[in-house]
């Protein structure tokens, strides 16, 4: 009788283990999943979903690259493991870039990605009330624009802006008047491919172009009721000045939207260059902020 009971107990344990690993609860790591095809142009996403039933908090990740370069696999990669370790699902997306496309197509792609994730929340075990958008550099601009021009269907729970432009008019004026402060070689390279400020179909630094850049600058569309914000920025950024983040936080505070800044001392433009041990703190601090803001355990 004891032997039979032991066999039954083992069988029950095995069955329970199999039930816990049902296909719809396994960890997902997928690359190149199509989430949209605007005008026949495929937009793909690489994604990670933790094991378990969920629903999980989720981050939509938007790469930089001056609107004409960069890719979903590498630019936001420093955030992949910290998010996964913290129990987040993450989705690193494509968007339409120069030279074939211009603004506002890229902005539309961010909105589409948010809508797609919400529509597929059950498939990917995502908690739609805990979706974060995060982007770096040009991707930071796009998530800033998406947040400041939110609709009920594209509203998210939090925003993590990693050295993204917030006031393009001011940046353009500074580049024109103080070029030595900037990496003009990189900026000129983007210009040649229709990236940078030229993504917005401007000529450069004339009055009409500056007016256009002011119109598309997220800082001028800040409004009450926006999601909480986290800015992450290096103090030696030679493409998007550090003050862009402090200015955005000031604008958000003026309408009573929470905003905090993680400062990376001596950090240049790009997480990939933050190599020193004392520059890596932003990862743990970002996760701590997300857990606090989203009320996660």
C-alpha atoms as a PDB file:
ATOM      1  CA  UNK A   1       0.000   0.000   0.000  1.00  0.00           C
ATOM      2  CA  UNK A   2       2.854   2.365   0.794  1.00  0.00           C
ATOM      3  CA  UNK A   3       4.466   1.616  -2.580  1.00  0.00           C
ATOM      4  CA  UNK A   4       1.215   2.278  -4.430  1.00  0.00           C
ATOM      5  CA  UNK A   5       0.713   5.506  -2.510  1.00  0.00           C
ATOM      6  CA  UNK A   6       4.256   6.647  -3.350  1.00  0.00           C
ATOM      7  CA  UNK A   7       3.718   5.891  -7.052  1.00  0.00           C
ATOM      8  CA  UNK A   8       0.451   7.814  -7.004  1.00  0.00           C
ATOM      9  CA  UNK A   9       2.117  10.726  -5.236  1.00  0.00           C
ATOM     10  CA  UNK A  10       4.953  10.832  -7.814  1.00  0.00           C
ATOM     11  CA  UNK A  11       2.474  10.664 -10.680  1.00  0.00           C
ATOM     12  CA  UNK A  12       0.481  13.487  -9.164  1.00  0.00           C
ATOM     13  CA  UNK A  13       3.615  15.592  -8.739  1.00  0.00           C
ATOM     14  CA  UNK A  14       4.636  14.953 -12.354  1.00  0.00           C
ATOM     15  CA  UNK A  15       1.195  15.933 -13.579  1.00  0.00           C
ATOM     16  CA  UNK A  16       1.315  19.104 -11.507  1.00  0.00           C
ATOM     17  CA  UNK A  17       4.724  19.937 -12.964  1.00  0.00           C
ATOM     18  CA  UNK A  18       3.478  19.464 -16.503  1.00  0.00           C
ATOM     19  CA  UNK A  19       0.464  21.623 -15.769  1.00  0.00           C
ATOM     20  CA  UNK A  20       2.749  24.374 -14.492  1.00  0.00           C
ATOM     21  CA  UNK A  21       4.658  24.362 -17.778  1.00  0.00           C
ATOM     22  CA  UNK A  22       1.720  24.566 -20.159  1.00  0.00           C
ATOM     23  CA  UNK A  23       2.576  26.140 -23.521  1.00  0.00           C
ATOM     24  CA  UNK A  24       0.766  29.391 -22.794  1.00  0.00           C
ATOM     25  CA  UNK A  25       2.908  29.935 -19.672  1.00  0.00           C
ATOM     26  CA  UNK A  26       6.388  29.215 -20.986  1.00  0.00           C
ATOM     27  CA  UNK A  27       9.071  31.855 -21.433  1.00  0.00           C
ATOM     28  CA  UNK A  28       8.966  33.448 -24.869  1.00  0.00           C
ATOM     29  CA  UNK A  29      11.986  34.816 -26.695  1.00  0.00           C
ATOM     30  CA  UNK A  30      11.055  35.646 -30.262  1.00  0.00           C
ATOM     31  CA  UNK A  31      12.689  37.744 -32.968  1.00  0.00           C
ATOM     32  CA  UNK A  32      11.198  39.299 -36.062  1.00  0.00           C
ATOM     33  CA  UNK A  33       7.503  39.086 -35.186  1.00  0.00           C
ATOM     34  CA  UNK A  34       5.520  41.330 -37.520  1.00  0.00           C
ATOM     35  CA  UNK A  35       3.268  43.780 -35.682  1.00  0.00           C
ATOM     36  CA  UNK A  36       2.252  46.019 -38.594  1.00  0.00           C
ATOM     37  CA  UNK A  37       2.657  46.492 -42.346  1.00  0.00           C
ATOM     38  CA  UNK A  38       1.914  50.133 -43.208  1.00  0.00           C
ATOM     39  CA  UNK A  39       1.890  50.618 -46.977  1.00  0.00           C
ATOM     40  CA  UNK A  40       3.336  47.135 -47.385  1.00  0.00           C
ATOM     41  CA  UNK A  41       6.402  47.962 -45.247  1.00  0.00           C
ATOM     42  CA  UNK A  42       6.825  45.272 -42.553  1.00  0.00           C
ATOM     43  CA  UNK A  43       7.495  46.419 -38.996  1.00  0.00           C
ATOM     44  CA  UNK A  44       8.987  43.786 -36.712  1.00  0.00           C
ATOM     45  CA  UNK A  45       9.448  43.317 -32.995  1.00  0.00           C
ATOM     46  CA  UNK A  46      11.849  41.247 -30.892  1.00  0.00           C
ATOM     47  CA  UNK A  47      10.244  40.213 -27.635  1.00  0.00           C
ATOM     48  CA  UNK A  48      10.722  38.529 -24.300  1.00  0.00           C
ATOM     49  CA  UNK A  49       7.919  37.272 -22.049  1.00  0.00           C
ATOM     50  CA  UNK A  50       8.758  35.667 -18.677  1.00  0.00           C
ATOM     51  CA  UNK A  51       7.597  32.191 -17.750  1.00  0.00           C
ATOM     52  CA  UNK A  52       4.406  32.044 -15.748  1.00  0.00           C
ATOM     53  CA  UNK A  53       0.772  32.994 -16.089  1.00  0.00           C
ATOM     54  CA  UNK A  54       1.264  36.751 -15.752  1.00  0.00           C
ATOM     55  CA  UNK A  55      -0.096  39.227 -16.443  1.00  0.00           C
ATOM     56  CA  UNK A  56       3.292  40.950 -16.544  1.00  0.00           C
ATOM     57  CA  UNK A  57       4.276  44.598 -16.661  1.00  0.00           C
ATOM     58  CA  UNK A  58       5.611  45.370 -20.123  1.00  0.00           C
ATOM     59  CA  UNK A  59       7.992  47.790 -21.812  1.00  0.00           C
ATOM     60  CA  UNK A  60       7.855  48.882 -25.444  1.00  0.00           C
ATOM     61  CA  UNK A  61      11.425  49.784 -26.413  1.00  0.00           C
ATOM     62  CA  UNK A  62      12.281  52.222 -29.215  1.00  0.00           C
ATOM     63  CA  UNK A  63      15.829  52.428 -30.555  1.00  0.00           C
ATOM     64  CA  UNK A  64      17.708  55.550 -31.547  1.00  0.00           C
ATOM     65  CA  UNK A  65      20.004  56.239 -34.464  1.00  0.00           C
ATOM     66  CA  UNK A  66      19.128  59.683 -35.740  1.00  0.00           C
ATOM     67  CA  UNK A  67      15.957  58.458 -37.494  1.00  0.00           C
ATOM     68  CA  UNK A  68      18.104  56.888 -40.226  1.00  0.00           C
ATOM     69  CA  UNK A  69      20.038  54.177 -38.378  1.00  0.00           C
ATOM     70  CA  UNK A  70      20.120  51.989 -35.319  1.00  0.00           C
ATOM     71  CA  UNK A  71      18.083  48.828 -34.876  1.00  0.00           C
ATOM     72  CA  UNK A  72      15.785  47.047 -32.473  1.00  0.00           C
ATOM     73  CA  UNK A  73      18.372  44.389 -31.579  1.00  0.00           C
ATOM     74  CA  UNK A  74      21.205  46.535 -30.263  1.00  0.00           C
ATOM     75  CA  UNK A  75      20.462  50.119 -29.243  1.00  0.00           C
ATOM     76  CA  UNK A  76      18.162  49.297 -26.326  1.00  0.00           C
ATOM     77  CA  UNK A  77      19.971  46.052 -25.492  1.00  0.00           C
ATOM     78  CA  UNK A  78      21.485  47.384 -22.227  1.00  0.00           C
ATOM     79  CA  UNK A  79      17.948  47.468 -20.816  1.00  0.00           C
ATOM     80  CA  UNK A  80      16.896  43.974 -21.933  1.00  0.00           C
ATOM     81  CA  UNK A  81      18.352  41.940 -19.058  1.00  0.00           C
ATOM     82  CA  UNK A  82      17.477  44.378 -16.253  1.00  0.00           C
ATOM     83  CA  UNK A  83      13.860  44.395 -17.423  1.00  0.00           C
ATOM     84  CA  UNK A  84      13.744  40.610 -17.804  1.00  0.00           C
ATOM     85  CA  UNK A  85      15.302  40.083 -14.372  1.00  0.00           C
ATOM     86  CA  UNK A  86      12.650  42.358 -12.883  1.00  0.00           C
ATOM     87  CA  UNK A  87       9.835  40.276 -14.363  1.00  0.00           C
ATOM     88  CA  UNK A  88       8.963  42.539 -17.284  1.00  0.00           C
ATOM     89  CA  UNK A  89       7.911  41.478 -20.719  1.00  0.00           C
ATOM     90  CA  UNK A  90       9.681  43.663 -23.260  1.00  0.00           C
ATOM     91  CA  UNK A  91       9.066  44.422 -26.911  1.00  0.00           C
ATOM     92  CA  UNK A  92      11.809  46.095 -28.968  1.00  0.00           C
ATOM     93  CA  UNK A  93      10.283  47.522 -32.134  1.00  0.00           C
ATOM     94  CA  UNK A  94      11.008  48.777 -35.631  1.00  0.00           C
ATOM     95  CA  UNK A  95       9.682  52.035 -37.048  1.00  0.00           C
ATOM     96  CA  UNK A  96       9.890  53.685 -40.458  1.00  0.00           C
ATOM     97  CA  UNK A  97      13.103  55.647 -40.957  1.00  0.00           C
ATOM     98  CA  UNK A  98      14.918  57.894 -43.413  1.00  0.00           C
ATOM     99  CA  UNK A  99      15.842  57.969 -46.222  1.00  0.00           C
ATOM    100  CA  UNK A 100      12.622  56.301 -47.358  1.00  0.00           C
ATOM    101  CA  UNK A 101      10.319  57.835 -44.743  1.00  0.00           C
ATOM    102  CA  UNK A 102       9.846  61.042 -42.824  1.00  0.00           C
ATOM    103  CA  UNK A 103       7.905  62.305 -39.834  1.00  0.00           C
ATOM    104  CA  UNK A 104       5.106  61.631 -38.898  1.00  0.00           C
ATOM    105  CA  UNK A 105       5.227  58.020 -40.133  1.00  0.00           C
ATOM    106  CA  UNK A 106       7.582  56.998 -37.310  1.00  0.00           C
ATOM    107  CA  UNK A 107       5.311  58.583 -34.721  1.00  0.00           C
ATOM    108  CA  UNK A 108       2.366  56.647 -36.157  1.00  0.00           C
ATOM    109  CA  UNK A 109       4.360  53.422 -35.766  1.00  0.00           C
ATOM    110  CA  UNK A 110       4.836  54.024 -32.039  1.00  0.00           C
ATOM    111  CA  UNK A 111       1.094  54.486 -31.608  1.00  0.00           C
ATOM    112  CA  UNK A 112       0.494  51.331 -33.653  1.00  0.00           C
ATOM    113  CA  UNK A 113       2.872  49.345 -31.453  1.00  0.00           C
ATOM    114  CA  UNK A 114       1.042  50.441 -28.296  1.00  0.00           C
ATOM    115  CA  UNK A 115      -2.320  49.539 -29.825  1.00  0.00           C
ATOM    116  CA  UNK A 116      -0.958  46.192 -31.071  1.00  0.00           C
ATOM    117  CA  UNK A 117       0.386  45.229 -27.645  1.00  0.00           C
ATOM    118  CA  UNK A 118      -2.873  46.116 -25.942  1.00  0.00           C
ATOM    119  CA  UNK A 119      -4.834  44.129 -28.535  1.00  0.00           C
ATOM    120  CA  UNK A 120      -2.515  41.128 -28.014  1.00  0.00           C
ATOM    121  CA  UNK A 121      -2.153  41.431 -24.255  1.00  0.00           C
ATOM    122  CA  UNK A 122      -3.714  38.026 -23.630  1.00  0.00           C
ATOM    123  CA  UNK A 123      -1.354  36.285 -26.064  1.00  0.00           C
ATOM    124  CA  UNK A 124       1.725  37.797 -24.427  1.00  0.00           C
ATOM    125  CA  UNK A 125       0.358  37.762 -20.851  1.00  0.00           C
ATOM    126  CA  UNK A 126       0.705  41.533 -20.512  1.00  0.00           C
ATOM    127  CA  UNK A 127      -1.000  43.725 -17.936  1.00  0.00           C
ATOM    128  CA  UNK A 128      -2.357  46.578 -20.068  1.00  0.00           C
ATOM    129  CA  UNK A 129      -2.513  48.853 -17.016  1.00  0.00           C
ATOM    130  CA  UNK A 130       1.262  48.544 -16.557  1.00  0.00           C
ATOM    131  CA  UNK A 131       2.685  49.263 -20.025  1.00  0.00           C
ATOM    132  CA  UNK A 132       5.766  51.484 -20.194  1.00  0.00           C
ATOM    133  CA  UNK A 133       7.252  53.143 -23.278  1.00  0.00           C
ATOM    134  CA  UNK A 134      10.993  53.715 -23.311  1.00  0.00           C
ATOM    135  CA  UNK A 135      13.325  55.018 -25.989  1.00  0.00           C
ATOM    136  CA  UNK A 136      16.850  56.309 -26.432  1.00  0.00           C
ATOM    137  CA  UNK A 137      17.962  59.300 -28.511  1.00  0.00           C
ATOM    138  CA  UNK A 138      15.720  59.470 -31.616  1.00  0.00           C
ATOM    139  CA  UNK A 139      13.606  56.763 -30.011  1.00  0.00           C
ATOM    140  CA  UNK A 140      13.423  58.950 -26.921  1.00  0.00           C
ATOM    141  CA  UNK A 141      12.018  61.748 -29.066  1.00  0.00           C
ATOM    142  CA  UNK A 142       9.381  59.394 -30.485  1.00  0.00           C
ATOM    143  CA  UNK A 143       8.195  58.186 -27.085  1.00  0.00           C
ATOM    144  CA  UNK A 144       8.185  61.793 -25.860  1.00  0.00           C
ATOM    145  CA  UNK A 145       5.986  62.765 -28.782  1.00  0.00           C
ATOM    146  CA  UNK A 146       3.717  59.765 -28.240  1.00  0.00           C
ATOM    147  CA  UNK A 147       3.270  60.599 -24.550  1.00  0.00           C
ATOM    148  CA  UNK A 148       2.592  64.296 -25.121  1.00  0.00           C
ATOM    149  CA  UNK A 149       0.100  63.490 -27.907  1.00  0.00           C
ATOM    150  CA  UNK A 150      -1.541  60.524 -26.208  1.00  0.00           C
ATOM    151  CA  UNK A 151      -5.065  59.323 -26.936  1.00  0.00           C
ATOM    152  CA  UNK A 152      -7.207  57.043 -24.765  1.00  0.00           C
ATOM    153  CA  UNK A 153      -6.034  54.020 -26.755  1.00  0.00           C
ATOM    154  CA  UNK A 154      -2.332  54.961 -26.689  1.00  0.00           C
ATOM    155  CA  UNK A 155      -2.138  56.070 -23.063  1.00  0.00           C
ATOM    156  CA  UNK A 156       0.514  54.228 -21.051  1.00  0.00           C
ATOM    157  CA  UNK A 157       1.415  53.903 -17.390  1.00  0.00           C
ATOM    158  CA  UNK A 158       4.914  55.413 -17.469  1.00  0.00           C
ATOM    159  CA  UNK A 159       7.605  56.845 -19.741  1.00  0.00           C
ATOM    160  CA  UNK A 160      11.370  56.290 -19.596  1.00  0.00           C
ATOM    161  CA  UNK A 161      13.184  58.792 -21.818  1.00  0.00           C
ATOM    162  CA  UNK A 162      16.885  58.051 -22.304  1.00  0.00           C
ATOM    163  CA  UNK A 163      18.610  61.211 -23.638  1.00  0.00           C
ATOM    164  CA  UNK A 164      15.805  61.930 -26.088  1.00  0.00           C
ATOM    165  CA  UNK A 165      15.293  65.409 -27.598  1.00  0.00           C
ATOM    166  CA  UNK A 166      12.445  67.359 -26.041  1.00  0.00           C
ATOM    167  CA  UNK A 167      12.995  70.850 -27.515  1.00  0.00           C
ATOM    168  CA  UNK A 168      14.334  70.486 -31.052  1.00  0.00           C
ATOM    169  CA  UNK A 169      14.101  74.193 -31.735  1.00  0.00           C
ATOM    170  CA  UNK A 170      16.532  74.947 -28.908  1.00  0.00           C
ATOM    171  CA  UNK A 171      18.900  72.187 -30.003  1.00  0.00           C
ATOM    172  CA  UNK A 172      18.917  73.551 -33.559  1.00  0.00           C
ATOM    173  CA  UNK A 173      19.665  77.083 -32.366  1.00  0.00           C
ATOM    174  CA  UNK A 174      22.518  75.805 -30.196  1.00  0.00           C
ATOM    175  CA  UNK A 175      24.000  73.755 -33.029  1.00  0.00           C
ATOM    176  CA  UNK A 176      23.859  76.809 -35.289  1.00  0.00           C
ATOM    177  CA  UNK A 177      25.351  79.233 -32.767  1.00  0.00           C
ATOM    178  CA  UNK A 178      27.736  76.947 -30.825  1.00  0.00           C
ATOM    179  CA  UNK A 179      28.750  74.092 -33.157  1.00  0.00           C
ATOM    180  CA  UNK A 180      31.904  73.340 -31.174  1.00  0.00           C
ATOM    181  CA  UNK A 181      29.716  72.014 -28.364  1.00  0.00           C
ATOM    182  CA  UNK A 182      28.364  69.250 -30.600  1.00  0.00           C
ATOM    183  CA  UNK A 183      29.545  66.210 -32.520  1.00  0.00           C
ATOM    184  CA  UNK A 184      28.882  67.890 -35.845  1.00  0.00           C
ATOM    185  CA  UNK A 185      30.463  65.029 -37.811  1.00  0.00           C
ATOM    186  CA  UNK A 186      27.768  62.660 -36.558  1.00  0.00           C
ATOM    187  CA  UNK A 187      25.060  65.270 -37.096  1.00  0.00           C
ATOM    188  CA  UNK A 188      26.239  65.880 -40.676  1.00  0.00           C
ATOM    189  CA  UNK A 189      26.212  62.137 -41.304  1.00  0.00           C
ATOM    190  CA  UNK A 190      22.559  61.961 -40.334  1.00  0.00           C
ATOM    191  CA  UNK A 191      21.810  64.976 -42.545  1.00  0.00           C
ATOM    192  CA  UNK A 192      23.252  63.180 -45.578  1.00  0.00           C
ATOM    193  CA  UNK A 193      20.716  60.378 -45.093  1.00  0.00           C
ATOM    194  CA  UNK A 194      17.729  62.577 -44.268  1.00  0.00           C
ATOM    195  CA  UNK A 195      17.995  61.912 -40.544  1.00  0.00           C
ATOM    196  CA  UNK A 196      18.368  64.237 -37.561  1.00  0.00           C
ATOM    197  CA  UNK A 197      16.310  67.402 -37.784  1.00  0.00           C
ATOM    198  CA  UNK A 198      16.000  66.856 -41.549  1.00  0.00           C
ATOM    199  CA  UNK A 199      13.659  63.954 -40.751  1.00  0.00           C
ATOM    200  CA  UNK A 200      11.083  66.684 -40.125  1.00  0.00           C
ATOM    201  CA  UNK A 201      11.499  68.054 -43.661  1.00  0.00           C
ATOM    202  CA  UNK A 202      13.231  71.264 -42.626  1.00  0.00           C
ATOM    203  CA  UNK A 203      16.038  73.065 -44.434  1.00  0.00           C
ATOM    204  CA  UNK A 204      18.181  73.562 -41.363  1.00  0.00           C
ATOM    205  CA  UNK A 205      18.443  76.673 -39.225  1.00  0.00           C
ATOM    206  CA  UNK A 206      16.349  79.318 -41.029  1.00  0.00           C
ATOM    207  CA  UNK A 207      13.326  80.894 -39.342  1.00  0.00           C
ATOM    208  CA  UNK A 208      10.782  78.667 -41.093  1.00  0.00           C
ATOM    209  CA  UNK A 209      12.694  75.539 -40.089  1.00  0.00           C
ATOM    210  CA  UNK A 210      12.999  76.685 -36.489  1.00  0.00           C
ATOM    211  CA  UNK A 211       9.241  77.318 -36.406  1.00  0.00           C
ATOM    212  CA  UNK A 212       8.627  73.759 -37.640  1.00  0.00           C
ATOM    213  CA  UNK A 213      11.008  72.326 -35.054  1.00  0.00           C
ATOM    214  CA  UNK A 214       9.225  74.247 -32.310  1.00  0.00           C
ATOM    215  CA  UNK A 215       5.888  72.860 -33.468  1.00  0.00           C
ATOM    216  CA  UNK A 216       7.044  69.243 -33.295  1.00  0.00           C
ATOM    217  CA  UNK A 217       8.910  69.615 -29.988  1.00  0.00           C
ATOM    218  CA  UNK A 218       7.274  67.522 -27.239  1.00  0.00           C
ATOM    219  CA  UNK A 219       8.083  70.043 -24.512  1.00  0.00           C
ATOM    220  CA  UNK A 220       5.487  72.416 -25.964  1.00  0.00           C
ATOM    221  CA  UNK A 221       2.764  69.756 -25.770  1.00  0.00           C
ATOM    222  CA  UNK A 222       3.212  68.813 -22.100  1.00  0.00           C
ATOM    223  CA  UNK A 223      -0.131  68.722 -20.327  1.00  0.00           C
ATOM    224  CA  UNK A 224      -1.733  67.702 -17.064  1.00  0.00           C
ATOM    225  CA  UNK A 225      -2.649  64.051 -16.728  1.00  0.00           C
ATOM    226  CA  UNK A 226       0.372  62.655 -18.564  1.00  0.00           C
ATOM    227  CA  UNK A 227       2.005  59.473 -17.215  1.00  0.00           C
ATOM    228  CA  UNK A 228       4.922  59.699 -14.763  1.00  0.00           C
ATOM    229  CA  UNK A 229       8.301  60.323 -16.370  1.00  0.00           C
ATOM    230  CA  UNK A 230      11.842  59.140 -15.813  1.00  0.00           C
ATOM    231  CA  UNK A 231      14.706  60.895 -17.612  1.00  0.00           C
ATOM    232  CA  UNK A 232      18.102  59.183 -17.961  1.00  0.00           C
ATOM    233  CA  UNK A 233      20.914  61.333 -19.337  1.00  0.00           C
ATOM    234  CA  UNK A 234      24.678  61.699 -19.375  1.00  0.00           C
ATOM    235  CA  UNK A 235      26.278  65.007 -18.453  1.00  0.00           C
ATOM    236  CA  UNK A 236      28.702  64.977 -21.415  1.00  0.00           C
ATOM    237  CA  UNK A 237      26.170  64.333 -24.171  1.00  0.00           C
ATOM    238  CA  UNK A 238      27.458  66.075 -27.304  1.00  0.00           C
ATOM    239  CA  UNK A 239      24.357  65.493 -29.434  1.00  0.00           C
ATOM    240  CA  UNK A 240      21.384  66.017 -27.109  1.00  0.00           C
ATOM    241  CA  UNK A 241      22.383  68.347 -24.262  1.00  0.00           C
ATOM    242  CA  UNK A 242      21.749  67.147 -20.708  1.00  0.00           C
ATOM    243  CA  UNK A 243      19.560  70.212 -20.103  1.00  0.00           C
ATOM    244  CA  UNK A 244      16.938  68.752 -22.452  1.00  0.00           C
ATOM    245  CA  UNK A 245      16.018  66.331 -19.660  1.00  0.00           C
ATOM    246  CA  UNK A 246      15.996  68.941 -16.898  1.00  0.00           C
ATOM    247  CA  UNK A 247      13.833  71.228 -19.051  1.00  0.00           C
ATOM    248  CA  UNK A 248      11.353  68.412 -19.669  1.00  0.00           C
ATOM    249  CA  UNK A 249      11.127  67.604 -15.973  1.00  0.00           C
ATOM    250  CA  UNK A 250      10.548  71.279 -15.177  1.00  0.00           C
ATOM    251  CA  UNK A 251       7.742  71.451 -17.742  1.00  0.00           C
ATOM    252  CA  UNK A 252       6.127  68.300 -16.353  1.00  0.00           C
ATOM    253  CA  UNK A 253       6.399  69.513 -12.768  1.00  0.00           C
ATOM    254  CA  UNK A 254       4.676  72.753 -13.797  1.00  0.00           C
ATOM    255  CA  UNK A 255       1.544  70.734 -14.687  1.00  0.00           C
ATOM    256  CA  UNK A 256       1.937  68.421 -11.651  1.00  0.00           C
ATOM    257  CA  UNK A 257       3.182  65.358 -13.559  1.00  0.00           C
ATOM    258  CA  UNK A 258       5.823  63.356 -11.629  1.00  0.00           C
ATOM    259  CA  UNK A 259       9.282  63.385 -13.204  1.00  0.00           C
ATOM    260  CA  UNK A 260      12.653  62.215 -11.941  1.00  0.00           C
ATOM    261  CA  UNK A 261      16.140  62.280 -13.475  1.00  0.00           C
ATOM    262  CA  UNK A 262      18.890  59.683 -13.299  1.00  0.00           C
ATOM    263  CA  UNK A 263      22.139  61.507 -14.038  1.00  0.00           C
ATOM    264  CA  UNK A 264      25.059  59.574 -15.503  1.00  0.00           C
ATOM    265  CA  UNK A 265      28.135  61.609 -14.622  1.00  0.00           C
ATOM    266  CA  UNK A 266      30.536  62.077 -17.544  1.00  0.00           C
ATOM    267  CA  UNK A 267      28.235  59.994 -19.717  1.00  0.00           C
ATOM    268  CA  UNK A 268      28.262  60.723 -23.431  1.00  0.00           C
ATOM    269  CA  UNK A 269      25.557  60.100 -26.010  1.00  0.00           C
ATOM    270  CA  UNK A 270      24.695  56.404 -25.963  1.00  0.00           C
ATOM    271  CA  UNK A 271      24.308  53.775 -23.256  1.00  0.00           C
ATOM    272  CA  UNK A 272      26.884  51.652 -25.051  1.00  0.00           C
ATOM    273  CA  UNK A 273      29.535  54.164 -24.056  1.00  0.00           C
ATOM    274  CA  UNK A 274      28.684  54.116 -20.368  1.00  0.00           C
ATOM    275  CA  UNK A 275      31.412  51.587 -19.576  1.00  0.00           C
ATOM    276  CA  UNK A 276      32.672  52.721 -16.177  1.00  0.00           C
ATOM    277  CA  UNK A 277      31.417  50.822 -13.158  1.00  0.00           C
ATOM    278  CA  UNK A 278      30.118  54.021 -11.584  1.00  0.00           C
ATOM    279  CA  UNK A 279      28.004  54.711 -14.693  1.00  0.00           C
ATOM    280  CA  UNK A 280      26.057  51.456 -14.487  1.00  0.00           C
ATOM    281  CA  UNK A 281      23.856  52.569 -11.603  1.00  0.00           C
ATOM    282  CA  UNK A 282      21.156  53.746 -14.009  1.00  0.00           C
ATOM    283  CA  UNK A 283      19.989  50.172 -14.603  1.00  0.00           C
ATOM    284  CA  UNK A 284      19.137  49.360 -10.988  1.00  0.00           C
ATOM    285  CA  UNK A 285      17.759  52.861 -10.431  1.00  0.00           C
ATOM    286  CA  UNK A 286      15.538  52.574 -13.502  1.00  0.00           C
ATOM    287  CA  UNK A 287      14.109  49.278 -12.259  1.00  0.00           C
ATOM    288  CA  UNK A 288      13.566  50.696  -8.758  1.00  0.00           C
ATOM    289  CA  UNK A 289      11.709  53.666 -10.247  1.00  0.00           C
ATOM    290  CA  UNK A 290       9.539  51.407 -12.416  1.00  0.00           C
ATOM    291  CA  UNK A 291       8.638  49.171  -9.472  1.00  0.00           C
ATOM    292  CA  UNK A 292       7.724  52.175  -7.356  1.00  0.00           C
ATOM    293  CA  UNK A 293       5.795  53.944 -10.103  1.00  0.00           C
ATOM    294  CA  UNK A 294       3.885  50.864 -11.250  1.00  0.00           C
ATOM    295  CA  UNK A 295       3.363  49.629  -7.686  1.00  0.00           C
ATOM    296  CA  UNK A 296       5.122  46.324  -8.305  1.00  0.00           C
ATOM    297  CA  UNK A 297       6.346  43.991  -5.591  1.00  0.00           C
END
